[in-house]
Every structure is written in C-alpha cells, then in structure tokens.
Amino acid sequence: MIPSRTRNMLGATVVASALLLGAGCSAGGEGAVPYSQLFNGVTYKGEPIIPAPQEDMEEMLEAFLASEAEGYEEQLDPPECAELYSDQGHELDLENLSLDKTALGAVKLDNFSVRVYSENVYVNPEAKKTPQDDPELAEACQDFSVTSDQGTIHIHVDPIPFKGNTDRGYAHKQVTESDGMEYEGFYTAAWKNDAFVTLYHSAVDQESIDAGFETLNMVLDRL
C-alpha cells in the first residue's frame, strides 16, 4: 500500500499532469457521449468502471482550485523537462474547470483509474508541448524528479507503442520512487476532439497493458 503522504503527492501530481498535459485538441466531435455518462458500459478486464461520486469530484475540483489560488508550485529536474511535465507558462481558465467538463472513474483491480478533461479548462490549450511533439526531449526526460511543498518524487518512464484509436497519444511504463519505496505503473494519454484522456494502472505485464488500451479505446469511441 502507498503511504498517505506519498499517495497525496502522487495524486496531486497525477491530477496536475492530467490537466496540464491536455493540449492541442481539435473541435468537439458530433454525437459525443456526455461526460456524466461516459463510463456507462466501459470495463477493465471485465470489471465495470465505477464513476467517481459527484461529491468526490466536487472535493477534488475544490482542492485543485484552492491549490491554484495558493500558488501551487513545483520544480522539475532537469529543468528542461518542465516543457513536457509541468504547468509552467500554461494558464488554466478556472471558471471552466467544472463537473460537466470532467469525468473520473476507477476499478479496485490494479489500482486502475481513468480521467477525462475538456480542453476548455485552458486559456491557451495549444501551448503545451507533449512527448509526441518533441521525441528528442522526451528521450532526455526519461528520468526526472518533481519537487513541491510535499516533497520530492523521482520518476523513470519507459516509452511503449501507443495503441489508442486516435492519432495523438503516447504511453509508457513508469517507476515512481518516494520515501525509499518504488511503485510501478502503466500510463497512457490520448487526445480526441475536444477531450484529453489519461489512464493509469499498477500492473505492467503485457496482458494488463493490452487490457488498459482496450479500455482506453472504449472511452475514445465515445468522444
């Protein structure tokens, strides 16, 4: 089990990354499923995705808005990795950060979680660089650390082929080290129409990775 301090750090980093990596999306597609219904019928390894209760989502958004208001800061080392994995220079439109532009789901199996955000939470969504945009920088940033007021975590990423049914996305295995403990995981991010999707689970065997991509594509097909 991940200690609460580390879990809070990782959670804050994942939420921030999910919001702040989402960029470069096109206009919304026709017939897209509303975010409130996005996970209906979606499964991971046969287990249904459980949407986050509204009160939990409200608490998460309130906490994120509070951290923005308090001037949450993080530093990356090497500093150039901030272009990929930090919010530096990217402004959020806090008035647009709302429940109808956010969907969160989870499965207890493999600590699975999936998040979907609208690009409309950004003042300038086109500004963010991604690993797909700069492969050379992405290769240089396979090992980096993130320091905030909650401490420092070290992250190693190992890119793997992206198998999402959209032309913009990436995936990697990752090892996160905090408080002397290491945690493995699979992470993928994808853009489709006006939506940004992130998916994470703690199983890194090929069968589980394939299952993760299968779930990702179920979500993408609804956007």
Protein backbone atom coordinates (compact mmCIF):
# COMPACT_ATOMS: atom_id res chain seq x y z
CA MET A 1 0.00 0.00 0.00
CA ILE A 2 1.23 3.51 -0.79
CA PRO A 3 1.69 5.67 2.35
CA SER A 4 -0.83 8.54 2.63
CA ARG A 5 1.82 11.24 2.22
CA THR A 6 3.14 9.62 -0.93
CA ARG A 7 -0.38 8.89 -2.16
CA ASN A 8 -1.28 12.58 -1.74
CA MET A 9 1.85 13.64 -3.61
CA LEU A 10 1.25 11.19 -6.42
CA GLY A 11 -2.41 12.12 -6.57
CA ALA A 12 -1.64 15.81 -6.81
CA THR A 13 0.96 15.18 -9.47
CA VAL A 14 -1.36 12.93 -11.49
CA VAL A 15 -4.24 15.42 -11.31
CA ALA A 16 -1.99 18.31 -12.25
CA SER A 17 -0.36 16.33 -15.04
CA ALA A 18 -3.69 15.17 -16.38
CA LEU A 19 -4.94 18.72 -16.56
CA LEU A 20 -1.73 20.33 -17.69
CA LEU A 21 -0.71 17.88 -20.38
CA GLY A 22 -4.06 18.19 -22.16
CA ALA A 23 -3.46 20.36 -25.21
CA GLY A 24 -3.54 20.52 -28.96
CA CYS A 25 -7.04 19.13 -29.32
CA SER A 26 -9.39 19.85 -32.19
CA ALA A 27 -13.01 20.94 -32.13
CA GLY A 28 -15.55 18.67 -30.42
CA GLY A 29 -16.99 15.73 -32.35
CA GLU A 30 -20.64 15.20 -33.18
CA GLY A 31 -22.64 12.70 -31.16
CA ALA A 32 -20.17 12.54 -28.28
CA VAL A 33 -21.47 10.98 -25.05
CA PRO A 34 -21.91 13.48 -22.16
CA TYR A 35 -19.13 13.24 -19.60
CA SER A 36 -21.64 12.19 -16.92
CA GLN A 37 -22.44 9.05 -18.96
CA LEU A 38 -19.00 8.44 -20.41
CA PHE A 39 -18.15 5.28 -18.46
CA ASN A 40 -21.51 3.53 -18.83
CA GLY A 41 -20.72 0.02 -20.11
CA VAL A 42 -16.94 0.59 -20.09
CA THR A 43 -14.87 -2.16 -18.43
CA TYR A 44 -11.30 -3.06 -17.48
CA LYS A 45 -10.57 -6.80 -17.51
CA GLY A 46 -14.30 -7.36 -17.40
CA GLU A 47 -14.78 -5.15 -14.34
CA PRO A 48 -17.08 -2.13 -14.81
CA ILE A 49 -15.57 1.32 -14.46
CA ILE A 50 -17.11 2.98 -11.41
CA PRO A 51 -17.62 6.74 -11.92
CA ALA A 52 -16.49 8.94 -9.05
CA PRO A 53 -19.40 10.15 -6.91
CA GLN A 54 -20.29 13.78 -7.55
CA GLU A 55 -19.28 14.80 -4.02
CA ASP A 56 -15.80 13.31 -4.53
CA MET A 57 -15.40 15.16 -7.82
CA GLU A 58 -16.55 18.39 -6.20
CA GLU A 59 -13.99 17.94 -3.42
CA MET A 60 -11.23 17.22 -5.95
CA LEU A 61 -12.05 20.28 -8.03
CA GLU A 62 -12.29 22.47 -4.94
CA ALA A 63 -8.90 21.22 -3.75
CA PHE A 64 -7.36 21.86 -7.15
CA LEU A 65 -8.82 25.36 -7.33
CA ALA A 66 -7.54 26.05 -3.82
CA SER A 67 -4.03 24.91 -4.76
CA GLU A 68 -4.13 27.20 -7.81
CA ALA A 69 -5.30 30.13 -5.66
CA GLU A 70 -2.49 29.48 -3.17
CA GLY A 71 0.07 29.49 -5.95
CA TYR A 72 0.96 25.78 -6.04
CA GLU A 73 4.48 25.43 -7.40
CA GLU A 74 6.62 22.52 -8.50
CA GLN A 75 10.16 22.27 -9.79
CA LEU A 76 11.44 19.66 -12.20
CA ASP A 77 14.98 18.40 -12.52
CA PRO A 78 16.30 18.53 -15.22
CA PRO A 79 14.56 21.91 -15.66
CA GLU A 80 14.00 21.42 -19.40
CA CYS A 81 11.63 18.54 -18.61
CA ALA A 82 9.17 21.16 -17.38
CA GLU A 83 8.26 21.73 -21.03
CA LEU A 84 6.71 18.25 -21.01
CA TYR A 85 5.71 17.57 -17.43
CA SER A 86 4.99 20.88 -15.69
CA ASP A 87 2.42 23.65 -15.78
CA GLN A 88 4.97 26.41 -16.29
CA GLY A 89 3.60 29.07 -18.60
CA HIS A 90 0.18 27.43 -19.03
CA GLU A 91 -2.80 29.21 -17.57
CA LEU A 92 -5.99 27.47 -16.51
CA ASP A 93 -9.41 29.01 -17.09
CA LEU A 94 -10.70 28.35 -13.60
CA GLU A 95 -14.26 29.37 -14.50
CA ASN A 96 -14.37 26.49 -16.99
CA LEU A 97 -12.98 23.86 -14.61
CA SER A 98 -16.34 22.23 -13.86
CA LEU A 99 -18.01 18.85 -13.44
CA ASP A 100 -19.56 18.85 -16.91
CA LYS A 101 -16.04 19.03 -18.37
CA THR A 102 -14.56 16.31 -16.16
CA ALA A 103 -15.05 12.55 -15.76
CA LEU A 104 -13.22 10.33 -13.26
CA GLY A 105 -13.53 6.57 -12.97
CA ALA A 106 -11.82 3.72 -11.15
CA VAL A 107 -11.65 -0.04 -10.59
CA LYS A 108 -10.14 -1.58 -7.45
CA LEU A 109 -8.32 -4.13 -9.60
CA ASP A 110 -4.74 -3.00 -10.35
CA ASN A 111 -5.44 0.44 -8.81
CA PHE A 112 -7.00 1.35 -12.15
CA SER A 113 -8.07 4.94 -12.80
CA VAL A 114 -9.18 6.91 -15.84
CA ARG A 115 -9.72 10.66 -16.20
CA VAL A 116 -11.22 12.73 -19.00
CA TYR A 117 -10.95 16.52 -19.23
CA SER A 118 -12.13 19.07 -21.75
CA GLU A 119 -9.53 21.30 -23.41
CA ASN A 120 -11.75 24.23 -22.42
CA VAL A 121 -10.13 24.30 -18.98
CA TYR A 122 -7.19 26.12 -20.59
CA VAL A 123 -6.80 29.74 -21.56
CA ASN A 124 -4.37 28.63 -24.29
CA PRO A 125 -4.63 24.85 -24.83
CA GLU A 126 -2.34 24.89 -27.87
CA ALA A 127 0.67 26.00 -25.82
CA LYS A 128 1.54 22.67 -24.21
CA LYS A 129 4.33 20.53 -25.65
CA THR A 130 3.95 16.74 -25.43
CA PRO A 131 6.38 13.79 -25.81
CA GLN A 132 4.89 13.18 -29.23
CA ASP A 133 5.81 16.72 -30.29
CA ASP A 134 9.46 16.52 -29.23
CA PRO A 135 10.82 12.94 -29.21
CA GLU A 136 14.37 14.13 -28.52
CA LEU A 137 13.32 16.00 -25.39
CA ALA A 138 11.12 13.07 -24.34
CA GLU A 139 14.12 10.75 -24.55
CA ALA A 140 16.21 13.14 -22.47
CA CYS A 141 13.46 13.27 -19.85
CA GLN A 142 13.01 9.56 -19.24
CA ASP A 143 14.38 10.22 -15.73
CA PHE A 144 13.30 13.32 -13.82
CA SER A 145 12.20 14.46 -10.38
CA VAL A 146 9.32 16.64 -9.23
CA THR A 147 9.67 18.75 -6.08
CA SER A 148 6.77 20.54 -4.41
CA ASP A 149 5.93 21.64 -0.88
CA GLN A 150 5.00 17.99 -0.20
CA GLY A 151 8.48 16.70 -1.02
CA THR A 152 10.24 15.11 -3.99
CA ILE A 153 9.35 12.15 -6.14
CA HIS A 154 11.62 10.57 -8.75
CA ILE A 155 10.12 9.20 -11.96
CA HIS A 156 11.54 6.92 -14.66
CA VAL A 157 9.50 6.44 -17.82
CA ASP A 158 9.98 3.71 -20.42
CA PRO A 159 8.03 4.56 -23.62
CA ILE A 160 5.97 1.79 -25.22
CA PRO A 161 3.99 1.73 -28.50
CA PHE A 162 0.72 3.65 -28.32
CA LYS A 163 -2.29 1.54 -29.34
CA GLY A 164 -5.11 4.03 -28.99
CA ASN A 165 -7.52 4.59 -31.87
CA THR A 166 -6.64 8.26 -32.24
CA ASP A 167 -3.72 9.92 -33.98
CA ARG A 168 -2.48 11.81 -30.93
CA GLY A 169 -1.35 9.95 -27.84
CA TYR A 170 1.50 8.23 -26.03
CA ALA A 171 2.11 5.53 -23.44
CA HIS A 172 4.82 4.39 -21.08
CA LYS A 173 5.65 2.18 -18.16
CA GLN A 174 6.82 4.20 -15.19
CA VAL A 175 8.60 3.67 -11.91
CA THR A 176 7.96 6.28 -9.22
CA GLU A 177 10.23 6.46 -6.17
CA SER A 178 9.19 8.23 -2.99
CA ASP A 179 10.23 7.81 0.63
CA GLY A 180 12.51 4.93 -0.36
CA MET A 181 9.67 2.97 -1.97
CA GLU A 182 9.18 2.21 -5.67
CA TYR A 183 5.84 1.90 -7.45
CA GLU A 184 5.45 0.53 -10.98
CA GLY A 185 2.65 1.52 -13.28
CA PHE A 186 1.31 1.86 -16.81
CA TYR A 187 0.25 5.30 -18.04
CA THR A 188 -1.27 6.40 -21.32
CA ALA A 189 -2.65 9.72 -22.54
CA ALA A 190 -4.75 10.43 -25.62
CA TRP A 191 -6.44 13.35 -27.32
CA LYS A 192 -9.62 13.14 -29.33
CA ASN A 193 -11.82 16.01 -30.45
CA ASP A 194 -12.01 18.43 -27.51
CA ALA A 195 -11.13 15.83 -24.86
CA PHE A 196 -7.95 14.68 -23.12
CA VAL A 197 -7.92 11.18 -21.58
CA THR A 198 -5.41 9.74 -19.12
CA LEU A 199 -5.41 6.15 -17.89
CA TYR A 200 -3.25 4.53 -15.22
CA HIS A 201 -2.96 1.14 -13.56
CA SER A 202 -0.33 -0.56 -11.45
CA ALA A 203 0.03 -3.78 -13.48
CA VAL A 204 2.83 -3.69 -16.07
CA ASP A 205 2.57 -7.16 -17.66
CA GLN A 206 1.66 -7.22 -21.35
CA GLU A 207 -1.81 -8.68 -20.79
CA SER A 208 -2.69 -5.85 -18.41
CA ILE A 209 -1.25 -3.22 -20.73
CA ASP A 210 -3.34 -4.59 -23.60
CA ALA A 211 -6.40 -4.51 -21.33
CA GLY A 212 -5.62 -0.89 -20.50
CA PHE A 213 -5.52 0.04 -24.18
CA GLU A 214 -8.78 -1.83 -24.74
CA THR A 215 -10.44 0.29 -22.06
CA LEU A 216 -8.87 3.46 -23.44
CA ASN A 217 -10.39 2.73 -26.83
CA MET A 218 -13.81 2.11 -25.30
CA VAL A 219 -13.63 5.64 -23.90
CA LEU A 220 -12.21 7.18 -27.08
CA ASP A 221 -15.03 5.65 -29.13
CA ARG A 222 -17.48 7.69 -27.05
CA LEU A 223 -15.78 11.04 -27.61
